[in-house]
Amino acid sequence: MGCSVCLAAAILTPQVFGQQAAATGSKPSTATTSRPSVTSKSATSAAPIKLGSVTLSGSLRLRMESWDWFETQNADNAYTFGAATLRVALGQQRDRVDWLVEGEVPVLMGVPTRSIAPAPQGQLGLGATYFAANGRQDASVIFKQGFIRFKGLFGDKAGSLKLGRFEFNDGTEVIPADATLATVKRDHISQRLIGAFGFSHVGRSFDGLQYARNFKAGNLTFVGARPTEGVFQLKGNAELDVDFYYGAFTRPLKRKQSESEFRAFVLHYHDGRPVLKTDNRAPLLRAADSSNIRLNTLGGHYIGAYKAARGKVDLLLGARFRWATGAPLIIAPEPLLLKLGTRLAAANWPTRSNPG
């Protein structure tokens, strides 16, 4: 048994504002890109449509998912469904100010209605998850992004401030020029704590502000925002009763035989929703706890790609420490993240080992 996902994407015009690709060449970027977690084949991008000084851009993503993984007689464990995600944006770029307004129309097709099994199995794949979140609703219209970005604030050409609704993925403030290093960062660093859920058919946005400063030493980023609903819910316009504050410094390093990068970050997360806490206290104590969740995270990573005799060796080190404030939760340091990989020049495909 297995699960297969097939994706086809048709690009109407490149989204030059809403989902700008982050800068390469180990240069910091103030924009992030959310991409689906499956391989896609895209049509050749057309030239942007100019309406005077305003740019019209958009994309259409089509995906079919086929699930046949779970074993049960109590629900439909094998099914296929499809989805389409249409995004259309208007934006303008000037020397001192950028702005963007973007809408999204997610459509679900043939979502299974009998793929939620009794406990403990529950939802049998993402098709069941979409049905649990939306029932028989199959489409919606979402205000995806709407922001204004001020550049060169107070004469500082290195800084910019974005205000409004936007997408953000932590860890993508700088995109390495080295392809191996960029792959490691995309697969193991990006969105580990904060993300736009680009792999889902709806995704998520953030309402708030993002300050970024790109200078010789690296990139300094601060984000304070509240996430929208969405992800698996077709209702993606309202905010959640959640807010976070994130700050990070990223420094790229490039030498003759290697390219590397380190990042240090701090995150404060506040959740005001009346949800059951998932900690190690007795169930009765957790059920009686109606206090808000406040979590703090301090961490960082180091990634490097080093030239070897027949290819490259890449290294990833990461650590995070998390603690709570205002609640008697027991929080411990997370395990050290260590990954080592190699890419052979002759075979042109990576083999990786994860020693810790």
Protein backbone atom coordinates (compact mmCIF):
# COMPACT_ATOMS: atom_id res chain seq x y z
CA MET A 1 0.00 0.00 0.00
CA GLY A 2 1.10 3.54 -0.51
CA CYS A 3 0.15 7.14 -1.07
CA SER A 4 0.88 8.94 -4.29
CA VAL A 5 0.49 12.63 -5.05
CA CYS A 6 0.43 14.03 -8.59
CA LEU A 7 0.65 17.74 -9.25
CA ALA A 8 0.33 19.85 -12.37
CA ALA A 9 0.74 23.61 -12.26
CA ALA A 10 -0.08 26.18 -14.90
CA ILE A 11 1.42 29.61 -14.43
CA LEU A 12 -0.64 32.49 -15.78
CA THR A 13 1.90 35.20 -15.03
CA PRO A 14 4.73 35.21 -12.50
CA GLN A 15 3.78 36.45 -9.06
CA VAL A 16 6.41 39.11 -8.85
CA PHE A 17 5.05 40.61 -5.63
CA GLY A 18 2.91 38.11 -3.75
CA GLN A 19 5.36 35.22 -3.78
CA GLN A 20 8.65 36.75 -4.73
CA ALA A 21 11.54 34.34 -4.81
CA ALA A 22 14.12 35.06 -2.18
CA ALA A 23 17.41 36.45 -3.34
CA THR A 24 20.24 34.11 -4.21
CA GLY A 25 23.95 34.57 -4.08
CA SER A 26 23.82 34.40 -0.27
CA LYS A 27 22.12 37.76 -0.31
CA PRO A 28 19.47 38.52 2.29
CA SER A 29 15.89 38.78 1.14
CA THR A 30 12.85 40.46 2.62
CA ALA A 31 10.44 38.18 0.75
CA THR A 32 9.71 34.51 1.20
CA THR A 33 8.20 31.89 -1.06
CA SER A 34 5.84 29.12 0.02
CA ARG A 35 6.03 26.10 -2.25
CA PRO A 36 4.18 22.79 -2.26
CA SER A 37 6.08 19.87 -0.78
CA VAL A 38 5.66 17.76 -3.91
CA THR A 39 7.42 18.03 -7.23
CA SER A 40 5.61 20.10 -9.80
CA LYS A 41 5.92 20.72 -13.51
CA SER A 42 5.18 24.28 -14.51
CA ALA A 43 4.51 25.84 -17.83
CA THR A 44 6.97 28.44 -19.03
CA SER A 45 6.26 31.69 -17.23
CA ALA A 46 4.76 34.43 -19.35
CA ALA A 47 5.80 38.04 -19.20
CA PRO A 48 4.05 40.08 -16.50
CA ILE A 49 0.97 41.99 -17.62
CA LYS A 50 1.52 45.72 -17.20
CA LEU A 51 -1.43 48.03 -16.63
CA GLY A 52 0.38 51.33 -16.74
CA SER A 53 2.75 51.21 -13.76
CA VAL A 54 0.74 48.42 -12.08
CA THR A 55 1.56 44.74 -12.60
CA LEU A 56 -1.09 42.01 -12.90
CA SER A 57 0.17 38.57 -11.90
CA GLY A 58 -1.29 35.22 -10.95
CA SER A 59 -1.00 31.44 -10.89
CA LEU A 60 -3.19 28.36 -11.18
CA ARG A 61 -2.12 25.19 -9.37
CA LEU A 62 -3.89 21.88 -10.10
CA ARG A 63 -3.27 18.79 -7.98
CA MET A 64 -4.59 15.25 -7.73
CA GLU A 65 -4.00 13.19 -4.58
CA SER A 66 -4.48 9.43 -4.45
CA TRP A 67 -4.44 7.76 -0.99
CA ASP A 68 -4.19 4.02 -0.35
CA TRP A 69 -2.19 3.59 2.84
CA PHE A 70 -4.39 2.86 5.85
CA GLU A 71 -5.82 -0.57 6.65
CA THR A 72 -9.34 -0.58 8.08
CA GLN A 73 -12.79 -1.97 7.38
CA ASN A 74 -14.57 0.88 9.17
CA ALA A 75 -14.03 3.66 6.59
CA ASP A 76 -12.98 4.26 2.99
CA ASN A 77 -9.22 3.86 3.15
CA ALA A 78 -8.50 4.28 -0.58
CA TYR A 79 -9.64 7.33 -2.52
CA THR A 80 -8.62 10.03 -5.01
CA PHE A 81 -9.53 13.70 -4.96
CA GLY A 82 -8.41 16.88 -6.72
CA ALA A 83 -7.94 20.55 -5.97
CA ALA A 84 -7.24 23.82 -7.73
CA THR A 85 -5.74 27.00 -6.28
CA LEU A 86 -6.13 30.22 -8.28
CA ARG A 87 -4.24 33.34 -7.17
CA VAL A 88 -4.49 36.77 -8.82
CA ALA A 89 -2.60 39.87 -7.70
CA LEU A 90 -2.17 43.54 -8.50
CA GLY A 91 1.00 45.26 -7.35
CA GLN A 92 3.38 48.10 -7.93
CA GLN A 93 7.08 48.61 -7.21
CA ARG A 94 8.62 52.03 -6.76
CA ASP A 95 11.90 53.33 -5.40
CA ARG A 96 10.53 54.01 -1.94
CA VAL A 97 7.27 52.03 -1.74
CA ASP A 98 5.91 48.65 -2.92
CA TRP A 99 2.32 47.48 -2.56
CA LEU A 100 0.36 44.34 -3.37
CA VAL A 101 -3.26 43.17 -3.25
CA GLU A 102 -3.87 39.45 -3.90
CA GLY A 103 -6.90 37.18 -3.86
CA GLU A 104 -7.11 33.40 -3.79
CA VAL A 105 -9.81 30.91 -4.81
CA PRO A 106 -9.18 27.36 -3.51
CA VAL A 107 -11.45 24.64 -4.93
CA LEU A 108 -11.74 21.05 -3.65
CA MET A 109 -13.04 18.32 -5.99
CA GLY A 110 -14.26 14.88 -4.95
CA VAL A 111 -13.14 15.04 -1.32
CA PRO A 112 -13.96 11.71 0.41
CA THR A 113 -16.93 11.79 2.80
CA ARG A 114 -16.44 8.40 4.48
CA SER A 115 -12.72 8.34 5.29
CA ILE A 116 -12.85 9.23 8.99
CA ALA A 117 -12.54 6.00 10.98
CA PRO A 118 -13.49 5.56 14.64
CA ALA A 119 -10.79 6.27 17.23
CA PRO A 120 -7.93 5.65 17.48
CA GLN A 121 -7.41 5.78 13.69
CA GLY A 122 -9.41 8.94 12.92
CA GLN A 123 -8.79 10.80 9.66
CA LEU A 124 -7.36 8.54 6.93
CA GLY A 125 -5.18 10.96 4.97
CA LEU A 126 -5.50 14.61 3.99
CA GLY A 127 -8.69 14.08 2.03
CA ALA A 128 -10.41 13.15 5.29
CA THR A 129 -8.79 16.18 6.93
CA TYR A 130 -10.25 18.55 4.33
CA PHE A 131 -13.70 16.98 4.80
CA ALA A 132 -13.47 17.23 8.60
CA ALA A 133 -12.56 20.92 8.32
CA ASN A 134 -15.08 21.94 5.62
CA GLY A 135 -17.86 19.38 5.40
CA ARG A 136 -19.39 19.56 1.92
CA GLN A 137 -18.16 23.08 1.19
CA ASP A 138 -15.92 22.89 -1.87
CA ALA A 139 -14.71 26.44 -2.60
CA SER A 140 -14.14 29.90 -1.12
CA VAL A 141 -12.71 33.34 -1.89
CA ILE A 142 -9.85 34.53 0.31
CA PHE A 143 -8.15 37.89 0.73
CA LYS A 144 -4.67 36.35 0.54
CA GLN A 145 -2.33 39.33 0.76
CA GLY A 146 -2.59 43.07 1.01
CA PHE A 147 0.44 45.01 2.16
CA ILE A 148 2.55 48.10 1.65
CA ARG A 149 6.34 48.04 2.01
CA PHE A 150 8.37 51.13 2.80
CA LYS A 151 12.01 51.08 1.68
CA GLY A 152 14.89 53.26 2.81
CA LEU A 153 13.25 54.31 6.07
CA PHE A 154 14.81 57.40 7.67
CA GLY A 155 17.52 57.37 5.01
CA ASP A 156 18.58 53.78 5.78
CA LYS A 157 18.72 52.15 2.33
CA ALA A 158 19.36 48.72 3.88
CA GLY A 159 16.06 48.60 5.78
CA SER A 160 12.43 48.03 4.80
CA LEU A 161 9.13 47.80 6.66
CA LYS A 162 6.13 45.78 5.45
CA LEU A 163 2.66 46.42 6.91
CA GLY A 164 -0.54 44.48 6.25
CA ARG A 165 -1.36 40.87 5.33
CA PHE A 166 1.51 38.83 3.91
CA GLU A 167 3.15 35.39 3.80
CA PHE A 168 6.20 34.49 5.86
CA ASN A 169 8.35 31.36 6.30
CA ASP A 170 10.96 31.43 9.02
CA GLY A 171 14.46 30.38 8.01
CA THR A 172 14.19 31.76 4.47
CA GLU A 173 15.46 35.25 5.19
CA VAL A 174 18.58 34.40 3.15
CA ILE A 175 18.71 31.91 0.26
CA PRO A 176 22.22 30.49 -0.40
CA ALA A 177 23.64 30.61 -3.92
CA ASP A 178 25.02 27.07 -3.52
CA ALA A 179 22.35 24.63 -4.75
CA THR A 180 23.24 21.95 -2.20
CA LEU A 181 23.07 24.38 0.69
CA ALA A 182 19.81 25.87 -0.60
CA THR A 183 18.28 22.37 -0.74
CA VAL A 184 19.35 21.57 2.83
CA LYS A 185 17.88 24.84 4.02
CA ARG A 186 14.62 24.38 2.13
CA ASP A 187 14.09 20.81 3.35
CA HIS A 188 15.35 21.03 6.94
CA ILE A 189 15.31 24.67 8.08
CA SER A 190 12.46 26.52 6.39
CA GLN A 191 9.09 26.68 8.21
CA ARG A 192 10.10 24.59 11.18
CA LEU A 193 8.28 27.06 13.45
CA ILE A 194 6.42 29.61 11.26
CA GLY A 195 5.09 28.98 7.76
CA ALA A 196 2.43 29.76 5.16
CA PHE A 197 1.54 26.06 4.62
CA GLY A 198 2.15 26.28 0.88
CA PHE A 199 1.77 22.51 0.51
CA SER A 200 -1.94 22.68 1.38
CA HIS A 201 -4.66 23.79 -1.04
CA VAL A 202 -5.53 26.86 1.04
CA GLY A 203 -2.40 28.03 2.84
CA ARG A 204 -2.17 30.73 5.49
CA SER A 205 -1.28 34.41 5.75
CA PHE A 206 -0.21 36.72 8.57
CA ASP A 207 -1.55 40.13 9.60
CA GLY A 208 1.11 42.36 11.07
CA LEU A 209 4.47 43.89 10.26
CA GLN A 210 7.85 42.69 9.01
CA TYR A 211 11.05 44.70 9.32
CA ALA A 212 14.17 43.57 7.47
CA ARG A 213 17.62 45.08 7.22
CA ASN A 214 20.17 43.72 4.74
CA PHE A 215 23.71 44.85 5.39
CA LYS A 216 27.27 43.60 4.98
CA ALA A 217 27.24 41.44 8.10
CA GLY A 218 24.01 39.66 7.14
CA ASN A 219 20.26 39.96 7.52
CA LEU A 220 18.26 41.17 10.51
CA THR A 221 14.54 40.36 10.48
CA PHE A 222 11.71 41.05 12.92
CA VAL A 223 8.11 39.91 12.47
CA GLY A 224 5.12 40.56 14.72
CA ALA A 225 1.85 39.15 13.43
CA ARG A 226 -1.36 37.18 13.89
CA PRO A 227 -2.02 34.14 11.65
CA THR A 228 -5.19 33.67 9.64
CA GLU A 229 -7.26 30.49 9.54
CA GLY A 230 -6.96 28.47 6.35
CA VAL A 231 -4.40 25.64 5.93
CA PHE A 232 -7.07 22.89 5.60
CA GLN A 233 -10.07 25.16 6.20
CA LEU A 234 -11.56 26.91 3.18
CA LYS A 235 -12.41 29.74 5.57
CA GLY A 236 -9.15 31.65 5.42
CA ASN A 237 -10.03 35.31 5.97
CA ALA A 238 -10.44 35.57 9.75
CA GLU A 239 -7.57 35.77 12.22
CA LEU A 240 -6.87 33.18 14.91
CA ASP A 241 -6.58 34.29 18.54
CA VAL A 242 -2.83 33.76 18.22
CA ASP A 243 0.07 36.17 17.93
CA PHE A 244 3.83 35.79 17.72
CA TYR A 245 6.96 37.93 17.76
CA TYR A 246 10.03 36.65 15.90
CA GLY A 247 13.50 38.08 15.54
CA ALA A 248 16.46 36.55 13.70
CA PHE A 249 19.98 37.37 12.57
CA THR A 250 21.39 35.40 9.62
CA ARG A 251 25.01 35.60 8.50
CA PRO A 252 26.17 33.92 5.27
CA LEU A 253 29.84 32.95 4.93
CA LYS A 254 31.55 32.14 1.64
CA ARG A 255 35.06 30.78 1.18
CA LYS A 256 36.99 29.25 -1.70
CA GLN A 257 36.18 25.65 -0.78
CA SER A 258 32.92 26.10 1.10
CA GLU A 259 29.76 28.09 1.64
CA SER A 260 28.03 28.21 5.01
CA GLU A 261 25.57 30.14 7.11
CA PHE A 262 24.46 30.52 10.69
CA ARG A 263 21.25 31.92 12.15
CA ALA A 264 20.25 32.85 15.69
CA PHE A 265 16.59 33.51 16.48
CA VAL A 266 14.13 34.11 19.30
CA LEU A 267 10.36 33.55 19.15
CA HIS A 268 7.51 34.37 21.53
CA TYR A 269 4.20 32.58 20.84
CA HIS A 270 0.88 33.43 22.49
CA ASP A 271 -2.27 31.34 21.99
CA GLY A 272 -5.51 32.66 23.50
CA ARG A 273 -7.78 29.93 22.16
CA PRO A 274 -9.62 27.67 24.67
CA VAL A 275 -7.70 24.54 23.69
CA LEU A 276 -6.65 21.55 25.76
CA LYS A 277 -2.99 21.71 26.79
CA THR A 278 -0.77 18.85 25.62
CA ASP A 279 1.73 18.40 28.45
CA ASN A 280 2.57 15.75 31.05
CA ARG A 281 0.04 16.76 33.72
CA ALA A 282 -2.94 14.61 34.71
CA PRO A 283 -5.93 14.89 32.32
CA LEU A 284 -8.16 16.49 34.97
CA LEU A 285 -5.60 19.21 35.66
CA ARG A 286 -5.17 19.95 31.98
CA ALA A 287 -8.93 20.07 31.39
CA ALA A 288 -9.32 22.60 34.20
CA ASP A 289 -6.54 24.84 32.88
CA SER A 290 -8.08 27.68 30.86
CA SER A 291 -5.04 29.96 30.90
CA ASN A 292 -3.45 31.21 27.68
CA ILE A 293 -0.42 29.44 26.23
CA ARG A 294 2.77 31.50 26.16
CA LEU A 295 5.87 29.82 24.77
CA ASN A 296 9.35 31.21 24.19
CA THR A 297 11.91 29.63 21.88
CA LEU A 298 15.61 30.42 21.58
CA GLY A 299 17.62 28.64 18.91
CA GLY A 300 19.85 28.66 15.90
CA HIS A 301 21.38 26.63 13.11
CA TYR A 302 24.59 26.21 11.17
CA ILE A 303 24.66 24.77 7.65
CA GLY A 304 27.65 24.28 5.39
CA ALA A 305 28.53 22.78 2.01
CA TYR A 306 32.16 21.77 1.49
CA LYS A 307 33.90 20.72 -1.70
CA ALA A 308 35.23 17.17 -1.64
CA ALA A 309 37.28 15.07 -4.04
CA ARG A 310 34.24 13.72 -5.94
CA GLY A 311 31.42 16.02 -4.97
CA LYS A 312 30.24 17.91 -1.89
CA VAL A 313 29.66 17.23 1.76
CA ASP A 314 26.94 19.15 3.57
CA LEU A 315 26.46 19.59 7.30
CA LEU A 316 23.54 20.80 9.39
CA LEU A 317 23.63 21.61 13.10
CA GLY A 318 20.61 22.98 14.91
CA ALA A 319 19.47 23.52 18.49
CA ARG A 320 16.39 24.97 20.20
CA PHE A 321 15.44 25.59 23.80
CA ARG A 322 11.80 26.25 24.67
CA TRP A 323 10.16 27.38 27.90
CA ALA A 324 6.73 28.58 28.99
CA THR A 325 5.69 31.68 30.88
CA GLY A 326 2.54 32.11 32.95
CA ALA A 327 1.69 28.39 33.12
CA PRO A 328 3.10 25.39 35.04
CA LEU A 329 4.28 23.56 31.93
CA ILE A 330 7.41 21.46 32.03
CA ILE A 331 9.51 22.28 28.98
CA ALA A 332 12.91 20.75 28.22
CA PRO A 333 15.57 21.52 25.62
CA GLU A 334 14.91 19.85 22.29
CA PRO A 335 17.40 17.29 20.99
CA LEU A 336 20.36 18.58 19.01
CA LEU A 337 19.71 18.37 15.27
CA LEU A 338 22.62 16.90 13.31
CA LYS A 339 22.53 15.85 9.67
CA LEU A 340 25.37 14.92 7.36
CA GLY A 341 25.02 14.39 3.62
CA THR A 342 27.10 13.84 0.52
CA ARG A 343 26.50 14.54 -3.15
CA LEU A 344 28.59 12.56 -5.63
CA ALA A 345 29.52 14.50 -8.76
CA ALA A 346 29.48 11.39 -10.98
CA ALA A 347 26.07 10.11 -9.92
CA ASN A 348 24.56 13.59 -9.47
CA TRP A 349 22.20 12.44 -6.74
CA PRO A 350 22.51 12.79 -2.97
CA THR A 351 22.98 10.08 -0.38
CA ARG A 352 22.42 11.16 3.20
CA SER A 353 22.96 9.78 6.66
CA ASN A 354 21.41 11.19 9.80
CA PRO A 355 23.67 10.29 12.74
CA GLY A 356 21.71 12.30 15.33
